Amino acid sequence: MLLGFSAKTVYRLINTKRINAYNFSERKTLIRRCDINVLFEKSQIGFEVVLRPTEQRKHAEIKDCYTITEIQKKLNISSGALYNIIKRNNICKFSLGKFTYVAKKDIEALIK
C-alpha cells in the first residue's frame, strides 16, 4: 500500500498512463517519486464529496419482530437466501444486542 492507494489502484493508474512506470522484470516495477508528486498536485475534477443525513427509522417493538433464526426456521430457508430476500424487498432490519430483528408485518406480507 503506497500513500493510501491499494495495489489495484496503482496498477490501474499505470495502465491508464496517469503514472509513468518502468518495468525492469516480471516482478519489479519502479515508479519515480516525482511522478507520484505530480499526481497529487493535479486538481481532481469531477470528484465531490456529498454527505447526506442519515434517516432515523423507528424500529418496531421486539415483541412485534422475528429474529433471523426464527424466520429461517419458519420459512425453512438458509441464512443467505433470507438475506437476499430481505435485501431484494428493501425490508428494514435492525440489530439489538447479538440478534438481528425484522418486523413481523414485513415477513408476513412476504409469505402471503
PDB file of N, CA and C in Angstrom:
ATOM      1  N   MET A   1       0.857  -1.161   0.000  1.00  0.00           N
ATOM      2  CA  MET A   1       0.000   0.000   0.000  1.00  0.00           C
ATOM      3  C   MET A   1       0.908   1.230   0.000  1.00  0.00           C
ATOM      4  N   LEU A   2       0.692   2.087  -0.935  1.00  0.00           N
ATOM      5  CA  LEU A   2       1.540   3.263  -1.089  1.00  0.00           C
ATOM      6  C   LEU A   2       0.684   4.513  -0.979  1.00  0.00           C
ATOM      7  N   LEU A   3       0.933   5.309   0.039  1.00  0.00           N
ATOM      8  CA  LEU A   3       0.222   6.580   0.215  1.00  0.00           C
ATOM      9  C   LEU A   3      -1.290   6.412   0.253  1.00  0.00           C
ATOM     10  N   GLY A   4      -1.754   5.331   0.820  1.00  0.00           N
ATOM     11  CA  GLY A   4      -3.186   5.100   0.928  1.00  0.00           C
ATOM     12  C   GLY A   4      -3.815   4.506  -0.314  1.00  0.00           C
ATOM     13  N   PHE A   5      -3.026   4.166  -1.325  1.00  0.00           N
ATOM     14  CA  PHE A   5      -3.539   3.530  -2.537  1.00  0.00           C
ATOM     15  C   PHE A   5      -3.451   2.029  -2.382  1.00  0.00           C
ATOM     16  N   SER A   6      -4.420   1.317  -2.901  1.00  0.00           N
ATOM     17  CA  SER A   6      -4.303  -0.132  -2.963  1.00  0.00           C
ATOM     18  C   SER A   6      -3.471  -0.489  -4.187  1.00  0.00           C
ATOM     19  N   ALA A   7      -2.986  -1.716  -4.235  1.00  0.00           N
ATOM     20  CA  ALA A   7      -2.178  -2.162  -5.372  1.00  0.00           C
ATOM     21  C   ALA A   7      -2.993  -2.111  -6.657  1.00  0.00           C
ATOM     22  N   LYS A   8      -4.267  -2.442  -6.567  1.00  0.00           N
ATOM     23  CA  LYS A   8      -5.133  -2.419  -7.748  1.00  0.00           C
ATOM     24  C   LYS A   8      -5.248  -1.006  -8.319  1.00  0.00           C
ATOM     25  N   THR A   9      -5.335  -0.005  -7.452  1.00  0.00           N
ATOM     26  CA  THR A   9      -5.410   1.381  -7.905  1.00  0.00           C
ATOM     27  C   THR A   9      -4.128   1.796  -8.603  1.00  0.00           C
ATOM     28  N   VAL A  10      -2.990   1.391  -8.054  1.00  0.00           N
ATOM     29  CA  VAL A  10      -1.702   1.728  -8.672  1.00  0.00           C
ATOM     30  C   VAL A  10      -1.603   1.088 -10.045  1.00  0.00           C
ATOM     31  N   TYR A  11      -1.980  -0.171 -10.182  1.00  0.00           N
ATOM     32  CA  TYR A  11      -1.941  -0.838 -11.486  1.00  0.00           C
ATOM     33  C   TYR A  11      -2.884  -0.154 -12.479  1.00  0.00           C
ATOM     34  N   ARG A  12      -4.051   0.280 -12.008  1.00  0.00           N
ATOM     35  CA  ARG A  12      -4.990   0.967 -12.884  1.00  0.00           C
ATOM     36  C   ARG A  12      -4.416   2.296 -13.356  1.00  0.00           C
ATOM     37  N   LEU A  13      -3.747   3.025 -12.462  1.00  0.00           N
ATOM     38  CA  LEU A  13      -3.121   4.289 -12.843  1.00  0.00           C
ATOM     39  C   LEU A  13      -2.001   4.075 -13.850  1.00  0.00           C
ATOM     40  N   ILE A  14      -1.264   2.979 -13.704  1.00  0.00           N
ATOM     41  CA  ILE A  14      -0.197   2.659 -14.658  1.00  0.00           C
ATOM     42  C   ILE A  14      -0.796   2.303 -16.011  1.00  0.00           C
ATOM     43  N   ASN A  15      -1.840   1.484 -16.025  1.00  0.00           N
ATOM     44  CA  ASN A  15      -2.457   1.055 -17.289  1.00  0.00           C
ATOM     45  C   ASN A  15      -3.118   2.202 -18.039  1.00  0.00           C
ATOM     46  N   THR A  16      -3.656   3.182 -17.322  1.00  0.00           N
ATOM     47  CA  THR A  16      -4.283   4.328 -17.984  1.00  0.00           C
ATOM     48  C   THR A  16      -3.280   5.440 -18.275  1.00  0.00           C
ATOM     49  N   LYS A  17      -2.006   5.182 -18.010  1.00  0.00           N
ATOM     50  CA  LYS A  17      -0.898   6.119 -18.299  1.00  0.00           C
ATOM     51  C   LYS A  17      -0.975   7.408 -17.488  1.00  0.00           C
ATOM     52  N   ARG A  18      -1.605   7.373 -16.329  1.00  0.00           N
ATOM     53  CA  ARG A  18      -1.620   8.548 -15.456  1.00  0.00           C
ATOM     54  C   ARG A  18      -0.350   8.612 -14.624  1.00  0.00           C
ATOM     55  N   ILE A  19       0.328   7.468 -14.467  1.00  0.00           N
ATOM     56  CA  ILE A  19       1.622   7.398 -13.793  1.00  0.00           C
ATOM     57  C   ILE A  19       2.581   6.685 -14.734  1.00  0.00           C
ATOM     58  N   ASN A  20       3.779   7.248 -14.884  1.00  0.00           N
ATOM     59  CA  ASN A  20       4.817   6.579 -15.669  1.00  0.00           C
ATOM     60  C   ASN A  20       5.485   5.536 -14.795  1.00  0.00           C
ATOM     61  N   ALA A  21       5.566   4.315 -15.288  1.00  0.00           N
ATOM     62  CA  ALA A  21       6.191   3.230 -14.540  1.00  0.00           C
ATOM     63  C   ALA A  21       7.191   2.532 -15.440  1.00  0.00           C
ATOM     64  N   TYR A  22       8.238   2.030 -14.834  1.00  0.00           N
ATOM     65  CA  TYR A  22       9.296   1.341 -15.566  1.00  0.00           C
ATOM     66  C   TYR A  22       9.346  -0.100 -15.093  1.00  0.00           C
ATOM     67  N   ASN A  23       9.091  -1.014 -16.005  1.00  0.00           N
ATOM     68  CA  ASN A  23       9.036  -2.434 -15.684  1.00  0.00           C
ATOM     69  C   ASN A  23      10.389  -3.053 -16.020  1.00  0.00           C
ATOM     70  N   PHE A  24      11.197  -3.362 -14.996  1.00  0.00           N
ATOM     71  CA  PHE A  24      12.528  -3.909 -15.205  1.00  0.00           C
ATOM     72  C   PHE A  24      12.524  -5.420 -15.334  1.00  0.00           C
ATOM     73  N   SER A  25      11.594  -6.068 -14.704  1.00  0.00           N
ATOM     74  CA  SER A  25      11.475  -7.523 -14.815  1.00  0.00           C
ATOM     75  C   SER A  25      10.029  -7.888 -14.519  1.00  0.00           C
ATOM     76  N   GLU A  26       9.778  -9.174 -14.472  1.00  0.00           N
ATOM     77  CA  GLU A  26       8.407  -9.636 -14.242  1.00  0.00           C
ATOM     78  C   GLU A  26       7.878  -9.197 -12.881  1.00  0.00           C
ATOM     79  N   ARG A  27       8.763  -9.108 -11.913  1.00  0.00           N
ATOM     80  CA  ARG A  27       8.338  -8.825 -10.550  1.00  0.00           C
ATOM     81  C   ARG A  27       8.785  -7.465 -10.031  1.00  0.00           C
ATOM     82  N   LYS A  28       9.409  -6.645 -10.874  1.00  0.00           N
ATOM     83  CA  LYS A  28       9.925  -5.372 -10.383  1.00  0.00           C
ATOM     84  C   LYS A  28       9.496  -4.229 -11.297  1.00  0.00           C
ATOM     85  N   THR A  29       8.678  -3.351 -10.773  1.00  0.00           N
ATOM     86  CA  THR A  29       8.229  -2.161 -11.478  1.00  0.00           C
ATOM     87  C   THR A  29       8.577  -0.962 -10.609  1.00  0.00           C
ATOM     88  N   LEU A  30       9.207   0.038 -11.200  1.00  0.00           N
ATOM     89  CA  LEU A  30       9.591   1.226 -10.446  1.00  0.00           C
ATOM     90  C   LEU A  30       8.785   2.427 -10.923  1.00  0.00           C
ATOM     91  N   ILE A  31       8.422   3.257  -9.959  1.00  0.00           N
ATOM     92  CA  ILE A  31       7.701   4.495 -10.236  1.00  0.00           C
ATOM     93  C   ILE A  31       8.511   5.618  -9.600  1.00  0.00           C
ATOM     94  N   ARG A  32       8.779   6.654 -10.357  1.00  0.00           N
ATOM     95  CA  ARG A  32       9.556   7.770  -9.820  1.00  0.00           C
ATOM     96  C   ARG A  32       8.703   8.574  -8.843  1.00  0.00           C
ATOM     97  N   ARG A  33       9.349   9.068  -7.800  1.00  0.00           N
ATOM     98  CA  ARG A  33       8.647   9.846  -6.787  1.00  0.00           C
ATOM     99  C   ARG A  33       8.056  11.129  -7.374  1.00  0.00           C
ATOM    100  N   CYS A  34       8.760  11.742  -8.332  1.00  0.00           N
ATOM    101  CA  CYS A  34       8.241  12.986  -8.924  1.00  0.00           C
ATOM    102  C   CYS A  34       6.946  12.724  -9.694  1.00  0.00           C
ATOM    103  N   ASP A  35       6.781  11.507 -10.273  1.00  0.00           N
ATOM    104  CA  ASP A  35       5.531  11.173 -10.956  1.00  0.00           C
ATOM    105  C   ASP A  35       4.372  11.057  -9.966  1.00  0.00           C
ATOM    106  N   ILE A  36       4.668  10.533  -8.789  1.00  0.00           N
ATOM    107  CA  ILE A  36       3.637  10.427  -7.750  1.00  0.00           C
ATOM    108  C   ILE A  36       3.270  11.815  -7.243  1.00  0.00           C
ATOM    109  N   ASN A  37       4.287  12.678  -7.052  1.00  0.00           N
ATOM    110  CA  ASN A  37       4.017  14.041  -6.583  1.00  0.00           C
ATOM    111  C   ASN A  37       3.174  14.819  -7.586  1.00  0.00           C
ATOM    112  N   VAL A  38       3.431  14.622  -8.878  1.00  0.00           N
ATOM    113  CA  VAL A  38       2.649  15.300  -9.916  1.00  0.00           C
ATOM    114  C   VAL A  38       1.195  14.857  -9.851  1.00  0.00           C
ATOM    115  N   LEU A  39       0.978  13.587  -9.545  1.00  0.00           N
ATOM    116  CA  LEU A  39      -0.387  13.073  -9.442  1.00  0.00           C
ATOM    117  C   LEU A  39      -1.169  13.802  -8.350  1.00  0.00           C
ATOM    118  N   PHE A  40      -0.509  14.091  -7.220  1.00  0.00           N
ATOM    119  CA  PHE A  40      -1.189  14.772  -6.123  1.00  0.00           C
ATOM    120  C   PHE A  40      -1.343  16.266  -6.364  1.00  0.00           C
ATOM    121  N   GLU A  41      -0.492  16.845  -7.192  1.00  0.00           N
ATOM    122  CA  GLU A  41      -0.584  18.274  -7.473  1.00  0.00           C
ATOM    123  C   GLU A  41      -1.707  18.599  -8.450  1.00  0.00           C
ATOM    124  N   LYS A  42      -2.070  17.645  -9.297  1.00  0.00           N
ATOM    125  CA  LYS A  42      -3.143  17.880 -10.266  1.00  0.00           C
ATOM    126  C   LYS A  42      -4.471  18.007  -9.532  1.00  0.00           C
ATOM    127  N   SER A  43      -5.317  18.881 -10.043  1.00  0.00           N
ATOM    128  CA  SER A  43      -6.635  19.015  -9.428  1.00  0.00           C
ATOM    129  C   SER A  43      -7.511  17.858  -9.898  1.00  0.00           C
ATOM    130  N   GLN A  44      -8.274  17.324  -9.009  1.00  0.00           N
ATOM    131  CA  GLN A  44      -9.158  16.201  -9.311  1.00  0.00           C
ATOM    132  C   GLN A  44     -10.526  16.753  -9.684  1.00  0.00           C
ATOM    133  N   ILE A  45     -10.786  16.872 -10.971  1.00  0.00           N
ATOM    134  CA  ILE A  45     -12.052  17.405 -11.451  1.00  0.00           C
ATOM    135  C   ILE A  45     -13.087  16.284 -11.462  1.00  0.00           C
ATOM    136  N   GLY A  46     -14.286  16.596 -11.028  1.00  0.00           N
ATOM    137  CA  GLY A  46     -15.365  15.629 -11.090  1.00  0.00           C
ATOM    138  C   GLY A  46     -15.578  14.861  -9.799  1.00  0.00           C
ATOM    139  N   PHE A  47     -14.756  15.103  -8.798  1.00  0.00           N
ATOM    140  CA  PHE A  47     -14.941  14.428  -7.529  1.00  0.00           C
ATOM    141  C   PHE A  47     -15.529  15.413  -6.532  1.00  0.00           C
ATOM    142  N   GLU A  48     -16.623  15.031  -5.937  1.00  0.00           N
ATOM    143  CA  GLU A  48     -17.256  15.878  -4.943  1.00  0.00           C
ATOM    144  C   GLU A  48     -17.813  14.977  -3.858  1.00  0.00           C
ATOM    145  N   VAL A  49     -17.505  15.298  -2.639  1.00  0.00           N
ATOM    146  CA  VAL A  49     -17.987  14.512  -1.518  1.00  0.00           C
ATOM    147  C   VAL A  49     -19.295  15.118  -1.045  1.00  0.00           C
ATOM    148  N   VAL A  50     -20.327  14.308  -1.034  1.00  0.00           N
ATOM    149  CA  VAL A  50     -21.641  14.765  -0.598  1.00  0.00           C
ATOM    150  C   VAL A  50     -22.035  13.929   0.609  1.00  0.00           C
ATOM    151  N   LEU A  51     -22.247  14.593   1.715  1.00  0.00           N
ATOM    152  CA  LEU A  51     -22.681  13.910   2.925  1.00  0.00           C
ATOM    153  C   LEU A  51     -24.177  14.101   3.070  1.00  0.00           C
ATOM    154  N   ARG A  52     -24.875  13.005   3.080  1.00  0.00           N
ATOM    155  CA  ARG A  52     -26.327  13.050   3.220  1.00  0.00           C
ATOM    156  C   ARG A  52     -26.693  12.673   4.650  1.00  0.00           C
ATOM    157  N   PRO A  53     -27.666  13.354   5.219  1.00  0.00           N
ATOM    158  CA  PRO A  53     -28.055  12.995   6.579  1.00  0.00           C
ATOM    159  C   PRO A  53     -28.687  11.612   6.601  1.00  0.00           C
ATOM    160  N   THR A  54     -28.340  10.843   7.612  1.00  0.00           N
ATOM    161  CA  THR A  54     -28.915   9.508   7.720  1.00  0.00           C
ATOM    162  C   THR A  54     -30.326   9.619   8.278  1.00  0.00           C
ATOM    163  N   GLU A  55     -31.135   8.758   7.803  1.00  0.00           N
ATOM    164  CA  GLU A  55     -32.542   8.767   8.167  1.00  0.00           C
ATOM    165  C   GLU A  55     -32.729   7.861   9.379  1.00  0.00           C
ATOM    166  N   GLN A  56     -33.307   8.384  10.430  1.00  0.00           N
ATOM    167  CA  GLN A  56     -33.552   7.600  11.630  1.00  0.00           C
ATOM    168  C   GLN A  56     -34.933   6.957  11.524  1.00  0.00           C
ATOM    169  N   ARG A  57     -34.944   5.653  11.353  1.00  0.00           N
ATOM    170  CA  ARG A  57     -36.219   4.940  11.267  1.00  0.00           C
ATOM    171  C   ARG A  57     -36.624   4.472  12.654  1.00  0.00           C
ATOM    172  N   LYS A  58     -37.902   4.488  12.880  1.00  0.00           N
ATOM    173  CA  LYS A  58     -38.397   3.961  14.143  1.00  0.00           C
ATOM    174  C   LYS A  58     -38.475   2.447  14.023  1.00  0.00           C
ATOM    175  N   HIS A  59     -37.861   1.775  14.955  1.00  0.00           N
ATOM    176  CA  HIS A  59     -37.869   0.320  14.941  1.00  0.00           C
ATOM    177  C   HIS A  59     -39.088  -0.181  15.703  1.00  0.00           C
ATOM    178  N   ALA A  60     -39.600  -1.293  15.240  1.00  0.00           N
ATOM    179  CA  ALA A  60     -40.759  -1.895  15.888  1.00  0.00           C
ATOM    180  C   ALA A  60     -40.347  -2.453  17.250  1.00  0.00           C
ATOM    181  N   GLU A  61     -41.324  -2.685  18.071  1.00  0.00           N
ATOM    182  CA  GLU A  61     -41.061  -3.316  19.363  1.00  0.00           C
ATOM    183  C   GLU A  61     -40.514  -4.719  19.130  1.00  0.00           C
ATOM    184  N   ILE A  62     -39.702  -5.197  20.037  1.00  0.00           N
ATOM    185  CA  ILE A  62     -39.108  -6.525  19.877  1.00  0.00           C
ATOM    186  C   ILE A  62     -40.187  -7.603  19.892  1.00  0.00           C
ATOM    187  N   LYS A  63     -41.265  -7.380  20.625  1.00  0.00           N
ATOM    188  CA  LYS A  63     -42.336  -8.383  20.645  1.00  0.00           C
ATOM    189  C   LYS A  63     -43.053  -8.469  19.299  1.00  0.00           C
ATOM    190  N   ASP A  64     -42.941  -7.428  18.471  1.00  0.00           N
ATOM    191  CA  ASP A  64     -43.560  -7.423  17.147  1.00  0.00           C
ATOM    192  C   ASP A  64     -42.566  -7.794  16.049  1.00  0.00           C
ATOM    193  N   CYS A  65     -41.467  -8.431  16.430  1.00  0.00           N
ATOM    194  CA  CYS A  65     -40.418  -8.773  15.460  1.00  0.00           C
ATOM    195  C   CYS A  65     -40.026 -10.236  15.565  1.00  0.00           C
ATOM    196  N   TYR A  66     -39.483 -10.745  14.466  1.00  0.00           N
ATOM    197  CA  TYR A  66     -38.867 -12.062  14.434  1.00  0.00           C
ATOM    198  C   TYR A  66     -37.357 -11.882  14.414  1.00  0.00           C
ATOM    199  N   THR A  67     -36.641 -12.837  14.994  1.00  0.00           N
ATOM    200  CA  THR A  67     -35.196 -12.858  14.804  1.00  0.00           C
ATOM    201  C   THR A  67     -34.915 -13.563  13.481  1.00  0.00           C
ATOM    202  N   ILE A  68     -33.694 -13.437  13.007  1.00  0.00           N
ATOM    203  CA  ILE A  68     -33.320 -14.059  11.737  1.00  0.00           C
ATOM    204  C   ILE A  68     -33.472 -15.578  11.820  1.00  0.00           C
ATOM    205  N   THR A  69     -33.066 -16.176  12.934  1.00  0.00           N
ATOM    206  CA  THR A  69     -33.176 -17.637  13.054  1.00  0.00           C
ATOM    207  C   THR A  69     -34.627 -18.089  13.114  1.00  0.00           C
ATOM    208  N   GLU A  70     -35.502 -17.306  13.734  1.00  0.00           N
ATOM    209  CA  GLU A  70     -36.927 -17.653  13.760  1.00  0.00           C
ATOM    210  C   GLU A  70     -37.508 -17.647  12.350  1.00  0.00           C
ATOM    211  N   ILE A  71     -37.115 -16.671  11.549  1.00  0.00           N
ATOM    212  CA  ILE A  71     -37.609 -16.600  10.169  1.00  0.00           C
ATOM    213  C   ILE A  71     -37.080 -17.771   9.358  1.00  0.00           C
ATOM    214  N   GLN A  72     -35.809 -18.126   9.582  1.00  0.00           N
ATOM    215  CA  GLN A  72     -35.219 -19.263   8.861  1.00  0.00           C
ATOM    216  C   GLN A  72     -35.973 -20.545   9.169  1.00  0.00           C
ATOM    217  N   LYS A  73     -36.281 -20.765  10.426  1.00  0.00           N
ATOM    218  CA  LYS A  73     -37.000 -21.979  10.803  1.00  0.00           C
ATOM    219  C   LYS A  73     -38.431 -21.962  10.273  1.00  0.00           C
ATOM    220  N   LYS A  74     -39.065 -20.802  10.297  1.00  0.00           N
ATOM    221  CA  LYS A  74     -40.451 -20.688   9.841  1.00  0.00           C
ATOM    222  C   LYS A  74     -40.563 -20.920   8.336  1.00  0.00           C
ATOM    223  N   LEU A  75     -39.627 -20.352   7.559  1.00  0.00           N
ATOM    224  CA  LEU A  75     -39.679 -20.473   6.104  1.00  0.00           C
ATOM    225  C   LEU A  75     -38.855 -21.639   5.568  1.00  0.00           C
ATOM    226  N   ASN A  76     -38.064 -22.254   6.442  1.00  0.00           N
ATOM    227  CA  ASN A  76     -37.203 -23.384   6.076  1.00  0.00           C
ATOM    228  C   ASN A  76     -36.255 -23.011   4.922  1.00  0.00           C
ATOM    229  N   ILE A  77     -35.517 -21.895   5.111  1.00  0.00           N
ATOM    230  CA  ILE A  77     -34.547 -21.449   4.113  1.00  0.00           C
ATOM    231  C   ILE A  77     -33.215 -21.161   4.793  1.00  0.00           C
ATOM    232  N   SER A  78     -32.169 -21.046   3.992  1.00  0.00           N
ATOM    233  CA  SER A  78     -30.837 -20.773   4.532  1.00  0.00           C
ATOM    234  C   SER A  78     -30.703 -19.291   4.879  1.00  0.00           C
ATOM    235  N   SER A  79     -29.656 -18.976   5.631  1.00  0.00           N
ATOM    236  CA  SER A  79     -29.444 -17.579   6.021  1.00  0.00           C
ATOM    237  C   SER A  79     -29.123 -16.712   4.809  1.00  0.00           C
ATOM    238  N   GLY A  80     -28.359 -17.243   3.852  1.00  0.00           N
ATOM    239  CA  GLY A  80     -28.035 -16.488   2.641  1.00  0.00           C
ATOM    240  C   GLY A  80     -29.265 -16.164   1.822  1.00  0.00           C
ATOM    241  N   ALA A  81     -30.160 -17.136   1.690  1.00  0.00           N
ATOM    242  CA  ALA A  81     -31.399 -16.909   0.944  1.00  0.00           C
ATOM    243  C   ALA A  81     -32.266 -15.868   1.646  1.00  0.00           C
ATOM    244  N   LEU A  82     -32.301 -15.927   2.973  1.00  0.00           N
ATOM    245  CA  LEU A  82     -33.091 -14.960   3.732  1.00  0.00           C
ATOM    246  C   LEU A  82     -32.542 -13.548   3.563  1.00  0.00           C
ATOM    247  N   TYR A  83     -31.227 -13.395   3.642  1.00  0.00           N
ATOM    248  CA  TYR A  83     -30.633 -12.066   3.467  1.00  0.00           C
ATOM    249  C   TYR A  83     -30.871 -11.535   2.058  1.00  0.00           C
ATOM    250  N   ASN A  84     -30.854 -12.416   1.061  1.00  0.00           N
ATOM    251  CA  ASN A  84     -31.158 -11.980  -0.306  1.00  0.00           C
ATOM    252  C   ASN A  84     -32.602 -11.502  -0.427  1.00  0.00           C
ATOM    253  N   ILE A  85     -33.525 -12.213   0.209  1.00  0.00           N
ATOM    254  CA  ILE A  85     -34.936 -11.813   0.181  1.00  0.00           C
ATOM    255  C   ILE A  85     -35.120 -10.463   0.871  1.00  0.00           C
ATOM    256  N   ILE A  86     -34.475 -10.291   2.025  1.00  0.00           N
ATOM    257  CA  ILE A  86     -34.586  -9.036   2.769  1.00  0.00           C
ATOM    258  C   ILE A  86     -34.020  -7.879   1.950  1.00  0.00           C
ATOM    259  N   LYS A  87     -32.890  -8.108   1.316  1.00  0.00           N
ATOM    260  CA  LYS A  87     -32.260  -7.055   0.516  1.00  0.00           C
ATOM    261  C   LYS A  87     -33.076  -6.734  -0.732  1.00  0.00           C
ATOM    262  N   ARG A  88     -33.564  -7.763  -1.410  1.00  0.00           N
ATOM    263  CA  ARG A  88     -34.320  -7.576  -2.647  1.00  0.00           C
ATOM    264  C   ARG A  88     -35.616  -6.808  -2.408  1.00  0.00           C
ATOM    265  N   ASN A  89     -36.253  -7.040  -1.272  1.00  0.00           N
ATOM    266  CA  ASN A  89     -37.532  -6.400  -0.972  1.00  0.00           C
ATOM    267  C   ASN A  89     -37.390  -5.149  -0.105  1.00  0.00           C
ATOM    268  N   ASN A  90     -36.165  -4.701   0.137  1.00  0.00           N
ATOM    269  CA  ASN A  90     -35.889  -3.492   0.933  1.00  0.00           C
ATOM    270  C   ASN A  90     -36.583  -3.522   2.290  1.00  0.00           C
ATOM    271  N   ILE A  91     -36.469  -4.639   2.966  1.00  0.00           N
ATOM    272  CA  ILE A  91     -37.075  -4.792   4.284  1.00  0.00           C
ATOM    273  C   ILE A  91     -36.101  -4.264   5.326  1.00  0.00           C
ATOM    274  N   CYS A  92     -36.608  -3.458   6.231  1.00  0.00           N
ATOM    275  CA  CYS A  92     -35.782  -2.861   7.276  1.00  0.00           C
ATOM    276  C   CYS A  92     -35.495  -3.901   8.355  1.00  0.00           C
ATOM    277  N   LYS A  93     -34.238  -4.004   8.741  1.00  0.00           N
ATOM    278  CA  LYS A  93     -33.842  -4.887   9.838  1.00  0.00           C
ATOM    279  C   LYS A  93     -32.982  -4.075  10.786  1.00  0.00           C
ATOM    280  N   PHE A  94     -32.920  -4.490  12.029  1.00  0.00           N
ATOM    281  CA  PHE A  94     -32.089  -3.781  12.995  1.00  0.00           C
ATOM    282  C   PHE A  94     -31.502  -4.779  13.974  1.00  0.00           C
ATOM    283  N   SER A  95     -30.356  -4.414  14.508  1.00  0.00           N
ATOM    284  CA  SER A  95     -29.667  -5.268  15.466  1.00  0.00           C
ATOM    285  C   SER A  95     -29.803  -4.666  16.847  1.00  0.00           C
ATOM    286  N   LEU A  96     -30.038  -5.528  17.795  1.00  0.00           N
ATOM    287  CA  LEU A  96     -30.101  -5.125  19.186  1.00  0.00           C
ATOM    288  C   LEU A  96     -29.427  -6.228  19.982  1.00  0.00           C
ATOM    289  N   GLY A  97     -28.292  -5.933  20.560  1.00  0.00           N
ATOM    290  CA  GLY A  97     -27.517  -6.973  21.210  1.00  0.00           C
ATOM    291  C   GLY A  97     -26.896  -7.871  20.167  1.00  0.00           C
ATOM    292  N   LYS A  98     -27.018  -9.179  20.354  1.00  0.00           N
ATOM    293  CA  LYS A  98     -26.430 -10.099  19.380  1.00  0.00           C
ATOM    294  C   LYS A  98     -27.436 -10.606  18.355  1.00  0.00           C
ATOM    295  N   PHE A  99     -28.679 -10.146  18.411  1.00  0.00           N
ATOM    296  CA  PHE A  99     -29.706 -10.611  17.492  1.00  0.00           C
ATOM    297  C   PHE A  99     -30.064  -9.536  16.471  1.00  0.00           C
ATOM    298  N   THR A 100     -30.472  -9.983  15.290  1.00  0.00           N
ATOM    299  CA  THR A 100     -30.965  -9.092  14.247  1.00  0.00           C
ATOM    300  C   THR A 100     -32.457  -9.336  14.107  1.00  0.00           C
ATOM    301  N   TYR A 101     -33.225  -8.258  14.136  1.00  0.00           N
ATOM    302  CA  TYR A 101     -34.676  -8.354  14.134  1.00  0.00           C
ATOM    303  C   TYR A 101     -35.270  -7.792  12.847  1.00  0.00           C
ATOM    304  N   VAL A 102     -36.409  -8.394  12.444  1.00  0.00           N
ATOM    305  CA  VAL A 102     -37.181  -7.933  11.294  1.00  0.00           C
ATOM    306  C   VAL A 102     -38.635  -7.892  11.740  1.00  0.00           C
ATOM    307  N   ALA A 103     -39.356  -6.855  11.336  1.00  0.00           N
ATOM    308  CA  ALA A 103     -40.752  -6.701  11.754  1.00  0.00           C
ATOM    309  C   ALA A 103     -41.602  -7.864  11.236  1.00  0.00           C
ATOM    310  N   LYS A 104     -42.495  -8.364  12.097  1.00  0.00           N
ATOM    311  CA  LYS A 104     -43.367  -9.485  11.726  1.00  0.00           C
ATOM    312  C   LYS A 104     -44.264  -9.130  10.554  1.00  0.00           C
ATOM    313  N   LYS A 105     -44.771  -7.886  10.519  1.00  0.00           N
ATOM    314  CA  LYS A 105     -45.682  -7.496   9.437  1.00  0.00           C
ATOM    315  C   LYS A 105     -44.985  -7.540   8.082  1.00  0.00           C
ATOM    316  N   ASP A 106     -43.680  -7.211   8.030  1.00  0.00           N
ATOM    317  CA  ASP A 106     -42.946  -7.260   6.762  1.00  0.00           C
ATOM    318  C   ASP A 106     -42.759  -8.694   6.282  1.00  0.00           C
ATOM    319  N   ILE A 107     -42.446  -9.603   7.202  1.00  0.00           N
ATOM    320  CA  ILE A 107     -42.230 -11.007   6.833  1.00  0.00           C
ATOM    321  C   ILE A 107     -43.552 -11.653   6.438  1.00  0.00           C
ATOM    322  N   GLU A 108     -44.613 -11.374   7.184  1.00  0.00           N
ATOM    323  CA  GLU A 108     -45.904 -11.973   6.858  1.00  0.00           C
ATOM    324  C   GLU A 108     -46.459 -11.435   5.545  1.00  0.00           C
ATOM    325  N   ALA A 109     -46.100 -10.207   5.182  1.00  0.00           N
ATOM    326  CA  ALA A 109     -46.504  -9.672   3.879  1.00  0.00           C
ATOM    327  C   ALA A 109     -45.782 -10.413   2.756  1.00  0.00           C
ATOM    328  N   LEU A 110     -44.576 -10.867   3.001  1.00  0.00           N
ATOM    329  CA  LEU A 110     -43.832 -11.648   2.006  1.00  0.00           C
ATOM    330  C   LEU A 110     -44.417 -13.038   1.822  1.00  0.00           C
ATOM    331  N   ILE A 111     -44.856 -13.637   2.917  1.00  0.00           N
ATOM    332  CA  ILE A 111     -45.378 -15.002   2.866  1.00  0.00           C
ATOM    333  C   ILE A 111     -46.675 -15.045   2.065  1.00  0.00           C
ATOM    334  N   LYS A 112     -47.499 -14.031   2.201  1.00  0.00           N
ATOM    335  CA  LYS A 112     -48.808 -14.027   1.528  1.00  0.00           C
ATOM    336  C   LYS A 112     -48.701 -13.668   0.089  1.00  0.00           C
TER     337      LYS A 112
END
